Amino acid sequence: MSQPTVHDPASTTDNRLVVAISSRALFDLGDSHALFERDGLDAYRSFQIEHENEILQPGVAFPLVQKLLGLNRLAGDVPPVEVILLSRNSGDTGLRIFNAIQHYGLEISRAAFTSGAPTSDYIAPFKADLFLSANAEDVGRALAAGVAAATILPSVAPPRMSEQLRIAFDGDAVIFGDEGERVSREEGLEAFHRRETEHATEPLSVGPFRGFLTALHHLQTAFPAEDSPIRTALVTARSAPAHKRVILTLRKWGVRIDEALFLGGRDKGPFLDAFGADIFFDDSPANVESARRHVATGHVPHGVSNR
């Protein structure tokens, strides 16, 4: 297999929020990907080269990336956000991707094109806090390596009029560990509530998105709280009395969550729409099916719900 092509301008990413994203999450490559799966690599390569001057349409995560990069205009001399492109295209077929990046004015300069190999090996060298991809295999590898990662699903993502970046998270198995979900599944809801009440003052364990949430919180602190360009929400199936442990855990971590929705098992989609989420992260296949009918959604294949 050919060696990956890596583009890496020499500048530091220290103290930035770094998001790595695949080309299929950023742009609509559905037709060409279907061609690849149907007719193979040679047909795909020929198609991309033939159409490399035709601009790709935005993908599900495109508005999120626009808002992330838009934060750099508000933060003075040092950009607080960097977006890295990780693609299974080759450098040759990836030219069409960079043509689209340039067309839309996205400030993305770093990229790795792996010619079909997994892209997840480059997440750590790029020091990414979050990885978004349409490839579930790459996402699983990233999570196993300890990086917050989600599979971007085909979603109904209406344009949001607000310029504010709004990110929503599930709690158990995303921000927190999945111990609570395991108790609920194995022993029932009553046992879950009893356990959470008994251990209310003990912090919950760390989930795969704790690091990203912390990095996002640090970015939020660079802006006035009353006029922040970033707003976060916890959207969880928990309800009272299981809410207390969540609140005390976040307080212990020193992490700010702007809105907390304790839904007690209600369908999450309409609430995410009301919040205006630019993206929502959840581990439950059932929850992401509901969410993606309303907002851009990332499935986090972690915890007992995915075994």
C-alpha atoms as a PDB file:
ATOM      1  CA  MET A   1       0.000   0.000   0.000  1.00  0.00           C
ATOM      2  CA  SER A   2       1.338   3.480  -0.843  1.00  0.00           C
ATOM      3  CA  GLN A   3       2.657   5.708   1.924  1.00  0.00           C
ATOM      4  CA  PRO A   4       0.290   8.335   3.353  1.00  0.00           C
ATOM      5  CA  THR A   5       0.666  11.911   2.155  1.00  0.00           C
ATOM      6  CA  VAL A   6       0.853  14.354   5.049  1.00  0.00           C
ATOM      7  CA  HIS A   7       0.624  18.133   4.716  1.00  0.00           C
ATOM      8  CA  ASP A   8       1.920  19.849   7.848  1.00  0.00           C
ATOM      9  CA  PRO A   9       2.845  23.542   7.789  1.00  0.00           C
ATOM     10  CA  ALA A  10       5.322  24.398  10.514  1.00  0.00           C
ATOM     11  CA  SER A  11       3.357  26.187  13.198  1.00  0.00           C
ATOM     12  CA  THR A  12       2.377  25.217  16.709  1.00  0.00           C
ATOM     13  CA  THR A  13      -1.050  23.986  17.773  1.00  0.00           C
ATOM     14  CA  ASP A  14      -0.332  24.445  21.508  1.00  0.00           C
ATOM     15  CA  ASN A  15      -3.315  25.710  23.517  1.00  0.00           C
ATOM     16  CA  ARG A  16      -5.676  25.420  20.574  1.00  0.00           C
ATOM     17  CA  LEU A  17      -8.819  23.393  20.271  1.00  0.00           C
ATOM     18  CA  VAL A  18      -7.964  20.968  17.465  1.00  0.00           C
ATOM     19  CA  VAL A  19     -10.720  19.152  15.560  1.00  0.00           C
ATOM     20  CA  ALA A  20      -9.865  16.486  12.974  1.00  0.00           C
ATOM     21  CA  ILE A  21     -12.525  15.753  10.383  1.00  0.00           C
ATOM     22  CA  SER A  22     -12.878  13.395   7.444  1.00  0.00           C
ATOM     23  CA  SER A  23     -13.636  14.618   3.929  1.00  0.00           C
ATOM     24  CA  ARG A  24     -16.977  12.733   3.878  1.00  0.00           C
ATOM     25  CA  ALA A  25     -18.095  14.481   7.076  1.00  0.00           C
ATOM     26  CA  LEU A  26     -17.092  17.896   5.742  1.00  0.00           C
ATOM     27  CA  PHE A  27     -18.407  17.572   2.168  1.00  0.00           C
ATOM     28  CA  ASP A  28     -21.150  15.631   0.400  1.00  0.00           C
ATOM     29  CA  LEU A  29     -19.229  12.775  -1.209  1.00  0.00           C
ATOM     30  CA  GLY A  30     -22.144  10.349  -1.212  1.00  0.00           C
ATOM     31  CA  ASP A  31     -22.267   9.769  -4.969  1.00  0.00           C
ATOM     32  CA  SER A  32     -18.521   9.301  -5.430  1.00  0.00           C
ATOM     33  CA  HIS A  33     -18.303   7.049  -2.366  1.00  0.00           C
ATOM     34  CA  ALA A  34     -21.116   4.907  -3.778  1.00  0.00           C
ATOM     35  CA  LEU A  35     -19.145   4.724  -7.032  1.00  0.00           C
ATOM     36  CA  PHE A  36     -16.070   3.574  -5.108  1.00  0.00           C
ATOM     37  CA  GLU A  37     -18.010   0.830  -3.328  1.00  0.00           C
ATOM     38  CA  ARG A  38     -19.664  -0.291  -6.576  1.00  0.00           C
ATOM     39  CA  ASP A  39     -16.838  -0.022  -9.148  1.00  0.00           C
ATOM     40  CA  GLY A  40     -13.627   0.186  -7.136  1.00  0.00           C
ATOM     41  CA  LEU A  41     -10.676   2.516  -6.629  1.00  0.00           C
ATOM     42  CA  ASP A  42      -9.709   3.088 -10.272  1.00  0.00           C
ATOM     43  CA  ALA A  43     -13.217   4.253 -11.192  1.00  0.00           C
ATOM     44  CA  TYR A  44     -13.313   6.493  -8.131  1.00  0.00           C
ATOM     45  CA  ARG A  45      -9.928   8.032  -8.930  1.00  0.00           C
ATOM     46  CA  SER A  46     -10.920   8.734 -12.523  1.00  0.00           C
ATOM     47  CA  PHE A  47     -14.192  10.301 -11.416  1.00  0.00           C
ATOM     48  CA  GLN A  48     -12.550  12.619  -8.863  1.00  0.00           C
ATOM     49  CA  ILE A  49      -9.868  13.791 -11.283  1.00  0.00           C
ATOM     50  CA  GLU A  50     -12.415  14.340 -14.037  1.00  0.00           C
ATOM     51  CA  HIS A  51     -14.588  16.411 -11.702  1.00  0.00           C
ATOM     52  CA  GLU A  52     -11.900  18.038  -9.557  1.00  0.00           C
ATOM     53  CA  ASN A  53     -12.884  21.556 -10.680  1.00  0.00           C
ATOM     54  CA  GLU A  54     -16.540  20.964  -9.773  1.00  0.00           C
ATOM     55  CA  ILE A  55     -17.108  22.269  -6.272  1.00  0.00           C
ATOM     56  CA  LEU A  56     -18.395  19.781  -3.727  1.00  0.00           C
ATOM     57  CA  GLN A  57     -21.549  20.574  -1.776  1.00  0.00           C
ATOM     58  CA  PRO A  58     -21.327  21.007   2.012  1.00  0.00           C
ATOM     59  CA  GLY A  59     -21.678  17.871   4.133  1.00  0.00           C
ATOM     60  CA  VAL A  60     -23.420  17.323   7.466  1.00  0.00           C
ATOM     61  CA  ALA A  61     -20.587  18.743   9.572  1.00  0.00           C
ATOM     62  CA  PHE A  62     -19.824  21.712   7.283  1.00  0.00           C
ATOM     63  CA  PRO A  63     -21.850  24.304   9.301  1.00  0.00           C
ATOM     64  CA  LEU A  64     -20.145  23.124  12.501  1.00  0.00           C
ATOM     65  CA  VAL A  65     -16.708  23.605  10.941  1.00  0.00           C
ATOM     66  CA  GLN A  66     -17.670  27.062   9.671  1.00  0.00           C
ATOM     67  CA  LYS A  67     -18.691  28.129  13.173  1.00  0.00           C
ATOM     68  CA  LEU A  68     -15.597  26.606  14.777  1.00  0.00           C
ATOM     69  CA  LEU A  69     -13.292  28.459  12.405  1.00  0.00           C
ATOM     70  CA  GLY A  70     -15.391  31.595  12.805  1.00  0.00           C
ATOM     71  CA  LEU A  71     -14.288  31.748  16.452  1.00  0.00           C
ATOM     72  CA  ASN A  72     -10.804  32.663  15.239  1.00  0.00           C
ATOM     73  CA  ARG A  73     -12.077  36.067  14.109  1.00  0.00           C
ATOM     74  CA  LEU A  74     -13.081  36.838  17.691  1.00  0.00           C
ATOM     75  CA  ALA A  75      -9.963  35.791  19.557  1.00  0.00           C
ATOM     76  CA  GLY A  76      -7.214  38.245  18.704  1.00  0.00           C
ATOM     77  CA  ASP A  77      -3.846  37.250  17.307  1.00  0.00           C
ATOM     78  CA  VAL A  78      -3.724  33.546  18.262  1.00  0.00           C
ATOM     79  CA  PRO A  79      -6.404  31.379  16.614  1.00  0.00           C
ATOM     80  CA  PRO A  80      -8.036  29.248  19.325  1.00  0.00           C
ATOM     81  CA  VAL A  81      -9.380  26.618  16.896  1.00  0.00           C
ATOM     82  CA  GLU A  82      -7.741  24.542  14.208  1.00  0.00           C
ATOM     83  CA  VAL A  83      -9.490  22.074  11.914  1.00  0.00           C
ATOM     84  CA  ILE A  84      -7.419  19.249  10.404  1.00  0.00           C
ATOM     85  CA  LEU A  85      -8.561  17.238   7.385  1.00  0.00           C
ATOM     86  CA  LEU A  86      -8.008  13.470   7.591  1.00  0.00           C
ATOM     87  CA  SER A  87      -8.976  11.646   4.415  1.00  0.00           C
ATOM     88  CA  ARG A  88      -8.698   8.168   2.930  1.00  0.00           C
ATOM     89  CA  ASN A  89      -8.322   9.828  -0.461  1.00  0.00           C
ATOM     90  CA  SER A  90      -4.870   9.969  -2.019  1.00  0.00           C
ATOM     91  CA  GLY A  91      -3.091  13.257  -2.460  1.00  0.00           C
ATOM     92  CA  ASP A  92      -4.126  13.057  -6.129  1.00  0.00           C
ATOM     93  CA  THR A  93      -7.856  12.581  -5.589  1.00  0.00           C
ATOM     94  CA  GLY A  94      -7.718  14.862  -2.559  1.00  0.00           C
ATOM     95  CA  LEU A  95      -7.079  17.859  -4.796  1.00  0.00           C
ATOM     96  CA  ARG A  96     -10.836  18.163  -5.305  1.00  0.00           C
ATOM     97  CA  ILE A  97     -11.269  18.359  -1.512  1.00  0.00           C
ATOM     98  CA  PHE A  98      -8.793  21.214  -1.197  1.00  0.00           C
ATOM     99  CA  ASN A  99     -10.379  22.995  -4.153  1.00  0.00           C
ATOM    100  CA  ALA A 100     -13.661  22.974  -2.219  1.00  0.00           C
ATOM    101  CA  ILE A 101     -11.947  24.124   0.981  1.00  0.00           C
ATOM    102  CA  GLN A 102     -10.474  27.065  -0.913  1.00  0.00           C
ATOM    103  CA  HIS A 103     -13.791  27.841  -2.627  1.00  0.00           C
ATOM    104  CA  TYR A 104     -15.669  28.102   0.676  1.00  0.00           C
ATOM    105  CA  GLY A 105     -12.889  30.094   2.351  1.00  0.00           C
ATOM    106  CA  LEU A 106     -12.285  27.535   5.098  1.00  0.00           C
ATOM    107  CA  GLU A 107      -9.028  28.133   6.935  1.00  0.00           C
ATOM    108  CA  ILE A 108      -7.852  24.516   6.769  1.00  0.00           C
ATOM    109  CA  SER A 109      -4.214  24.008   5.831  1.00  0.00           C
ATOM    110  CA  ARG A 110      -3.175  20.774   7.534  1.00  0.00           C
ATOM    111  CA  ALA A 111      -4.257  17.449   6.091  1.00  0.00           C
ATOM    112  CA  ALA A 112      -3.325  13.783   5.824  1.00  0.00           C
ATOM    113  CA  PHE A 113      -4.341  11.739   2.769  1.00  0.00           C
ATOM    114  CA  THR A 114      -3.799   8.032   3.408  1.00  0.00           C
ATOM    115  CA  SER A 115      -4.707   6.376   0.082  1.00  0.00           C
ATOM    116  CA  GLY A 116      -7.267   4.058   1.663  1.00  0.00           C
ATOM    117  CA  ALA A 117      -5.417   3.311   4.915  1.00  0.00           C
ATOM    118  CA  PRO A 118      -7.001   4.150   8.298  1.00  0.00           C
ATOM    119  CA  THR A 119      -6.662   7.834   9.143  1.00  0.00           C
ATOM    120  CA  SER A 120      -6.808   7.381  12.910  1.00  0.00           C
ATOM    121  CA  ASP A 121      -3.037   6.908  13.254  1.00  0.00           C
ATOM    122  CA  TYR A 122      -2.575  10.618  12.562  1.00  0.00           C
ATOM    123  CA  ILE A 123      -4.970  11.908  15.212  1.00  0.00           C
ATOM    124  CA  ALA A 124      -2.399  11.802  18.026  1.00  0.00           C
ATOM    125  CA  PRO A 125       0.455  13.461  16.066  1.00  0.00           C
ATOM    126  CA  PHE A 126      -1.909  16.287  15.155  1.00  0.00           C
ATOM    127  CA  LYS A 127      -2.901  16.536  18.852  1.00  0.00           C
ATOM    128  CA  ALA A 128      -6.602  16.497  18.014  1.00  0.00           C
ATOM    129  CA  ASP A 129      -9.153  16.940  20.802  1.00  0.00           C
ATOM    130  CA  LEU A 130     -12.004  15.599  18.649  1.00  0.00           C
ATOM    131  CA  PHE A 131     -12.279  13.379  15.572  1.00  0.00           C
ATOM    132  CA  LEU A 132     -15.360  13.355  13.329  1.00  0.00           C
ATOM    133  CA  SER A 133     -15.663  10.870  10.490  1.00  0.00           C
ATOM    134  CA  ALA A 134     -18.201   9.060   8.349  1.00  0.00           C
ATOM    135  CA  ASN A 135     -16.038   5.933   8.683  1.00  0.00           C
ATOM    136  CA  ALA A 136     -17.073   3.918  11.750  1.00  0.00           C
ATOM    137  CA  GLU A 137     -13.853   1.881  11.710  1.00  0.00           C
ATOM    138  CA  ASP A 138     -11.678   4.982  12.013  1.00  0.00           C
ATOM    139  CA  VAL A 139     -13.917   6.315  14.792  1.00  0.00           C
ATOM    140  CA  GLY A 140     -13.651   3.062  16.741  1.00  0.00           C
ATOM    141  CA  ARG A 141      -9.858   3.103  16.449  1.00  0.00           C
ATOM    142  CA  ALA A 142      -9.730   6.690  17.677  1.00  0.00           C
ATOM    143  CA  LEU A 143     -11.913   5.951  20.694  1.00  0.00           C
ATOM    144  CA  ALA A 144      -9.746   2.948  21.547  1.00  0.00           C
ATOM    145  CA  ALA A 145      -6.740   5.282  21.506  1.00  0.00           C
ATOM    146  CA  GLY A 146      -8.416   7.596  24.009  1.00  0.00           C
ATOM    147  CA  VAL A 147      -9.576  10.376  21.646  1.00  0.00           C
ATOM    148  CA  ALA A 148     -13.106  11.781  21.629  1.00  0.00           C
ATOM    149  CA  ALA A 149     -14.566  10.561  18.345  1.00  0.00           C
ATOM    150  CA  ALA A 150     -17.949  10.163  16.685  1.00  0.00           C
ATOM    151  CA  THR A 151     -19.378   8.768  13.484  1.00  0.00           C
ATOM    152  CA  ILE A 152     -21.166  11.538  11.594  1.00  0.00           C
ATOM    153  CA  LEU A 153     -24.526  10.196  10.441  1.00  0.00           C
ATOM    154  CA  PRO A 154     -26.717  11.311   7.551  1.00  0.00           C
ATOM    155  CA  SER A 155     -28.846  13.898   9.302  1.00  0.00           C
ATOM    156  CA  VAL A 156     -31.508  16.509   8.775  1.00  0.00           C
ATOM    157  CA  ALA A 157     -29.539  19.580   9.800  1.00  0.00           C
ATOM    158  CA  PRO A 158     -31.515  22.767   9.071  1.00  0.00           C
ATOM    159  CA  PRO A 159     -29.483  25.963   8.755  1.00  0.00           C
ATOM    160  CA  ARG A 160     -29.251  27.864  12.038  1.00  0.00           C
ATOM    161  CA  MET A 161     -29.688  31.628  11.907  1.00  0.00           C
ATOM    162  CA  SER A 162     -27.592  32.200  15.023  1.00  0.00           C
ATOM    163  CA  GLU A 163     -23.825  32.575  14.658  1.00  0.00           C
ATOM    164  CA  GLN A 164     -23.401  31.104  18.141  1.00  0.00           C
ATOM    165  CA  LEU A 165     -21.799  27.642  18.174  1.00  0.00           C
ATOM    166  CA  ARG A 166     -24.098  25.225  20.008  1.00  0.00           C
ATOM    167  CA  ILE A 167     -22.885  21.750  20.986  1.00  0.00           C
ATOM    168  CA  ALA A 168     -24.963  19.196  22.906  1.00  0.00           C
ATOM    169  CA  PHE A 169     -23.779  16.072  24.704  1.00  0.00           C
ATOM    170  CA  ASP A 170     -25.373  12.993  26.156  1.00  0.00           C
ATOM    171  CA  GLY A 171     -24.080  12.165  29.629  1.00  0.00           C
ATOM    172  CA  ASP A 172     -23.523   8.473  30.383  1.00  0.00           C
ATOM    173  CA  ALA A 173     -20.968   6.764  28.096  1.00  0.00           C
ATOM    174  CA  VAL A 174     -20.148  10.113  26.438  1.00  0.00           C
ATOM    175  CA  ILE A 175     -19.073  12.710  29.018  1.00  0.00           C
ATOM    176  CA  PHE A 176     -19.205  10.180  31.846  1.00  0.00           C
ATOM    177  CA  GLY A 177     -18.481   6.463  32.069  1.00  0.00           C
ATOM    178  CA  ASP A 178     -21.165   3.876  31.326  1.00  0.00           C
ATOM    179  CA  GLU A 179     -21.513   2.334  34.807  1.00  0.00           C
ATOM    180  CA  GLY A 180     -24.958   3.861  35.268  1.00  0.00           C
ATOM    181  CA  GLU A 181     -26.205   2.492  31.951  1.00  0.00           C
ATOM    182  CA  ARG A 182     -24.932  -0.968  32.853  1.00  0.00           C
ATOM    183  CA  VAL A 183     -26.798  -0.918  36.176  1.00  0.00           C
ATOM    184  CA  SER A 184     -29.972   0.293  34.467  1.00  0.00           C
ATOM    185  CA  ARG A 185     -29.800  -2.456  31.840  1.00  0.00           C
ATOM    186  CA  GLU A 186     -28.853  -5.282  34.193  1.00  0.00           C
ATOM    187  CA  GLU A 187     -30.850  -4.399  37.316  1.00  0.00           C
ATOM    188  CA  GLY A 188     -33.534  -1.958  36.185  1.00  0.00           C
ATOM    189  CA  LEU A 189     -34.353   1.718  36.560  1.00  0.00           C
ATOM    190  CA  GLU A 190     -35.217   1.487  40.253  1.00  0.00           C
ATOM    191  CA  ALA A 191     -31.795   0.028  41.043  1.00  0.00           C
ATOM    192  CA  PHE A 192     -30.156   2.744  38.937  1.00  0.00           C
ATOM    193  CA  HIS A 193     -31.894   5.546  40.847  1.00  0.00           C
ATOM    194  CA  ARG A 194     -31.095   3.914  44.174  1.00  0.00           C
ATOM    195  CA  ARG A 195     -27.415   3.608  43.258  1.00  0.00           C
ATOM    196  CA  GLU A 196     -27.171   7.185  42.005  1.00  0.00           C
ATOM    197  CA  THR A 197     -28.831   8.490  45.185  1.00  0.00           C
ATOM    198  CA  GLU A 198     -26.490   6.492  47.417  1.00  0.00           C
ATOM    199  CA  HIS A 199     -23.416   7.693  45.519  1.00  0.00           C
ATOM    200  CA  ALA A 200     -24.639  11.226  44.742  1.00  0.00           C
ATOM    201  CA  THR A 201     -21.568  12.929  46.237  1.00  0.00           C
ATOM    202  CA  GLU A 202     -19.080  10.649  44.454  1.00  0.00           C
ATOM    203  CA  PRO A 203     -17.934  12.004  41.064  1.00  0.00           C
ATOM    204  CA  LEU A 204     -18.920   9.941  38.061  1.00  0.00           C
ATOM    205  CA  SER A 205     -16.126   8.259  36.144  1.00  0.00           C
ATOM    206  CA  VAL A 206     -14.635   9.883  33.069  1.00  0.00           C
ATOM    207  CA  GLY A 207     -16.147   9.174  29.640  1.00  0.00           C
ATOM    208  CA  PRO A 208     -14.528   9.494  26.202  1.00  0.00           C
ATOM    209  CA  PHE A 209     -15.667  13.109  25.681  1.00  0.00           C
ATOM    210  CA  ARG A 210     -14.445  14.471  29.030  1.00  0.00           C
ATOM    211  CA  GLY A 211     -11.225  15.794  27.438  1.00  0.00           C
ATOM    212  CA  PHE A 212     -13.030  17.510  24.566  1.00  0.00           C
ATOM    213  CA  LEU A 213     -15.587  19.039  26.932  1.00  0.00           C
ATOM    214  CA  THR A 214     -12.755  20.396  29.082  1.00  0.00           C
ATOM    215  CA  ALA A 215     -10.963  21.844  26.045  1.00  0.00           C
ATOM    216  CA  LEU A 216     -14.221  23.444  24.895  1.00  0.00           C
ATOM    217  CA  HIS A 217     -14.742  24.874  28.384  1.00  0.00           C
ATOM    218  CA  HIS A 218     -11.252  26.402  28.329  1.00  0.00           C
ATOM    219  CA  LEU A 219     -12.092  28.013  24.996  1.00  0.00           C
ATOM    220  CA  GLN A 220     -15.346  29.381  26.448  1.00  0.00           C
ATOM    221  CA  THR A 221     -13.456  31.091  29.256  1.00  0.00           C
ATOM    222  CA  ALA A 222     -11.685  33.291  26.681  1.00  0.00           C
ATOM    223  CA  PHE A 223     -14.999  35.057  26.048  1.00  0.00           C
ATOM    224  CA  PRO A 224     -17.383  36.937  28.371  1.00  0.00           C
ATOM    225  CA  ALA A 225     -19.909  34.510  29.858  1.00  0.00           C
ATOM    226  CA  GLU A 226     -22.813  36.868  29.159  1.00  0.00           C
ATOM    227  CA  ASP A 227     -21.916  37.208  25.480  1.00  0.00           C
ATOM    228  CA  SER A 228     -20.196  33.943  24.615  1.00  0.00           C
ATOM    229  CA  PRO A 229     -20.081  32.697  21.006  1.00  0.00           C
ATOM    230  CA  ILE A 230     -20.232  29.134  22.380  1.00  0.00           C
ATOM    231  CA  ARG A 231     -23.121  27.475  24.208  1.00  0.00           C
ATOM    232  CA  THR A 232     -23.199  23.901  25.480  1.00  0.00           C
ATOM    233  CA  ALA A 233     -25.956  21.595  26.673  1.00  0.00           C
ATOM    234  CA  LEU A 234     -26.193  18.287  28.472  1.00  0.00           C
ATOM    235  CA  VAL A 235     -29.166  16.350  27.086  1.00  0.00           C
ATOM    236  CA  THR A 236     -29.624  13.201  29.109  1.00  0.00           C
ATOM    237  CA  ALA A 237     -32.236  10.534  29.741  1.00  0.00           C
ATOM    238  CA  ARG A 238     -31.542  10.925  33.453  1.00  0.00           C
ATOM    239  CA  SER A 239     -34.095  12.609  35.712  1.00  0.00           C
ATOM    240  CA  ALA A 240     -34.375  13.397  39.404  1.00  0.00           C
ATOM    241  CA  PRO A 241     -32.980  12.045  41.681  1.00  0.00           C
ATOM    242  CA  ALA A 242     -30.152  10.949  39.331  1.00  0.00           C
ATOM    243  CA  HIS A 243     -29.533  14.568  38.321  1.00  0.00           C
ATOM    244  CA  LYS A 244     -27.655  15.492  41.499  1.00  0.00           C
ATOM    245  CA  ARG A 245     -24.609  13.334  40.836  1.00  0.00           C
ATOM    246  CA  VAL A 246     -24.230  14.809  37.355  1.00  0.00           C
ATOM    247  CA  ILE A 247     -24.322  18.393  38.644  1.00  0.00           C
ATOM    248  CA  LEU A 248     -21.868  17.701  41.455  1.00  0.00           C
ATOM    249  CA  THR A 249     -19.500  15.861  39.099  1.00  0.00           C
ATOM    250  CA  LEU A 250     -19.349  18.768  36.652  1.00  0.00           C
ATOM    251  CA  ARG A 251     -18.823  21.130  39.582  1.00  0.00           C
ATOM    252  CA  LYS A 252     -15.981  18.946  40.851  1.00  0.00           C
ATOM    253  CA  TRP A 253     -14.386  18.923  37.401  1.00  0.00           C
ATOM    254  CA  GLY A 254     -14.711  22.701  37.150  1.00  0.00           C
ATOM    255  CA  VAL A 255     -16.470  22.390  33.794  1.00  0.00           C
ATOM    256  CA  ARG A 256     -19.232  24.716  32.670  1.00  0.00           C
ATOM    257  CA  ILE A 257     -22.374  23.402  30.967  1.00  0.00           C
ATOM    258  CA  ASP A 258     -24.760  26.173  29.970  1.00  0.00           C
ATOM    259  CA  GLU A 259     -27.970  24.130  29.776  1.00  0.00           C
ATOM    260  CA  ALA A 260     -28.865  20.793  31.362  1.00  0.00           C
ATOM    261  CA  LEU A 261     -31.919  18.895  30.136  1.00  0.00           C
ATOM    262  CA  PHE A 262     -32.947  15.924  32.284  1.00  0.00           C
ATOM    263  CA  LEU A 263     -35.531  14.274  30.057  1.00  0.00           C
ATOM    264  CA  GLY A 264     -36.409  11.097  31.953  1.00  0.00           C
ATOM    265  CA  GLY A 265     -36.451   9.010  28.780  1.00  0.00           C
ATOM    266  CA  ARG A 266     -38.306  11.496  26.551  1.00  0.00           C
ATOM    267  CA  ASP A 267     -37.430  11.608  22.843  1.00  0.00           C
ATOM    268  CA  LYS A 268     -34.353  13.855  22.544  1.00  0.00           C
ATOM    269  CA  GLY A 269     -34.821  15.099  18.986  1.00  0.00           C
ATOM    270  CA  PRO A 270     -37.366  17.902  19.580  1.00  0.00           C
ATOM    271  CA  PHE A 271     -35.368  19.214  22.556  1.00  0.00           C
ATOM    272  CA  LEU A 272     -32.176  19.336  20.497  1.00  0.00           C
ATOM    273  CA  ASP A 273     -34.060  21.217  17.807  1.00  0.00           C
ATOM    274  CA  ALA A 274     -35.317  23.687  20.403  1.00  0.00           C
ATOM    275  CA  PHE A 275     -31.756  24.154  21.718  1.00  0.00           C
ATOM    276  CA  GLY A 276     -30.561  24.717  18.154  1.00  0.00           C
ATOM    277  CA  ALA A 277     -27.684  22.248  18.339  1.00  0.00           C
ATOM    278  CA  ASP A 278     -25.073  22.426  15.608  1.00  0.00           C
ATOM    279  CA  ILE A 279     -24.134  18.882  16.620  1.00  0.00           C
ATOM    280  CA  PHE A 280     -25.186  16.329  19.237  1.00  0.00           C
ATOM    281  CA  PHE A 281     -23.119  13.429  20.558  1.00  0.00           C
ATOM    282  CA  ASP A 282     -24.761  10.270  21.947  1.00  0.00           C
ATOM    283  CA  ASP A 283     -23.774   6.631  22.419  1.00  0.00           C
ATOM    284  CA  SER A 284     -27.254   5.105  22.077  1.00  0.00           C
ATOM    285  CA  PRO A 285     -28.260   3.938  18.571  1.00  0.00           C
ATOM    286  CA  ALA A 286     -31.904   4.643  19.454  1.00  0.00           C
ATOM    287  CA  ASN A 287     -31.144   8.190  20.605  1.00  0.00           C
ATOM    288  CA  VAL A 288     -29.069   9.063  17.549  1.00  0.00           C
ATOM    289  CA  GLU A 289     -31.869   7.824  15.290  1.00  0.00           C
ATOM    290  CA  SER A 290     -34.183  10.306  16.982  1.00  0.00           C
ATOM    291  CA  ALA A 291     -31.635  13.119  17.023  1.00  0.00           C
ATOM    292  CA  ARG A 292     -30.535  12.915  13.401  1.00  0.00           C
ATOM    293  CA  ARG A 293     -34.068  13.726  12.238  1.00  0.00           C
ATOM    294  CA  HIS A 294     -33.595  17.165  13.804  1.00  0.00           C
ATOM    295  CA  VAL A 295     -29.895  18.077  14.064  1.00  0.00           C
ATOM    296  CA  ALA A 296     -26.440  17.023  12.900  1.00  0.00           C
ATOM    297  CA  THR A 297     -25.589  13.966  15.002  1.00  0.00           C
ATOM    298  CA  GLY A 298     -22.476  12.041  15.927  1.00  0.00           C
ATOM    299  CA  HIS A 299     -22.720   8.461  17.176  1.00  0.00           C
ATOM    300  CA  VAL A 300     -20.185   7.626  19.884  1.00  0.00           C
ATOM    301  CA  PRO A 301     -19.734   3.824  19.661  1.00  0.00           C
ATOM    302  CA  HIS A 302     -18.725   3.406  23.284  1.00  0.00           C
ATOM    303  CA  GLY A 303     -20.141   1.649  26.316  1.00  0.00           C
ATOM    304  CA  VAL A 304     -22.686  -1.048  26.969  1.00  0.00           C
ATOM    305  CA  SER A 305     -25.187   0.253  24.391  1.00  0.00           C
ATOM    306  CA  ASN A 306     -22.765  -0.690  21.620  1.00  0.00           C
ATOM    307  CA  ARG A 307     -21.818  -4.210  22.723  1.00  0.00           C
END
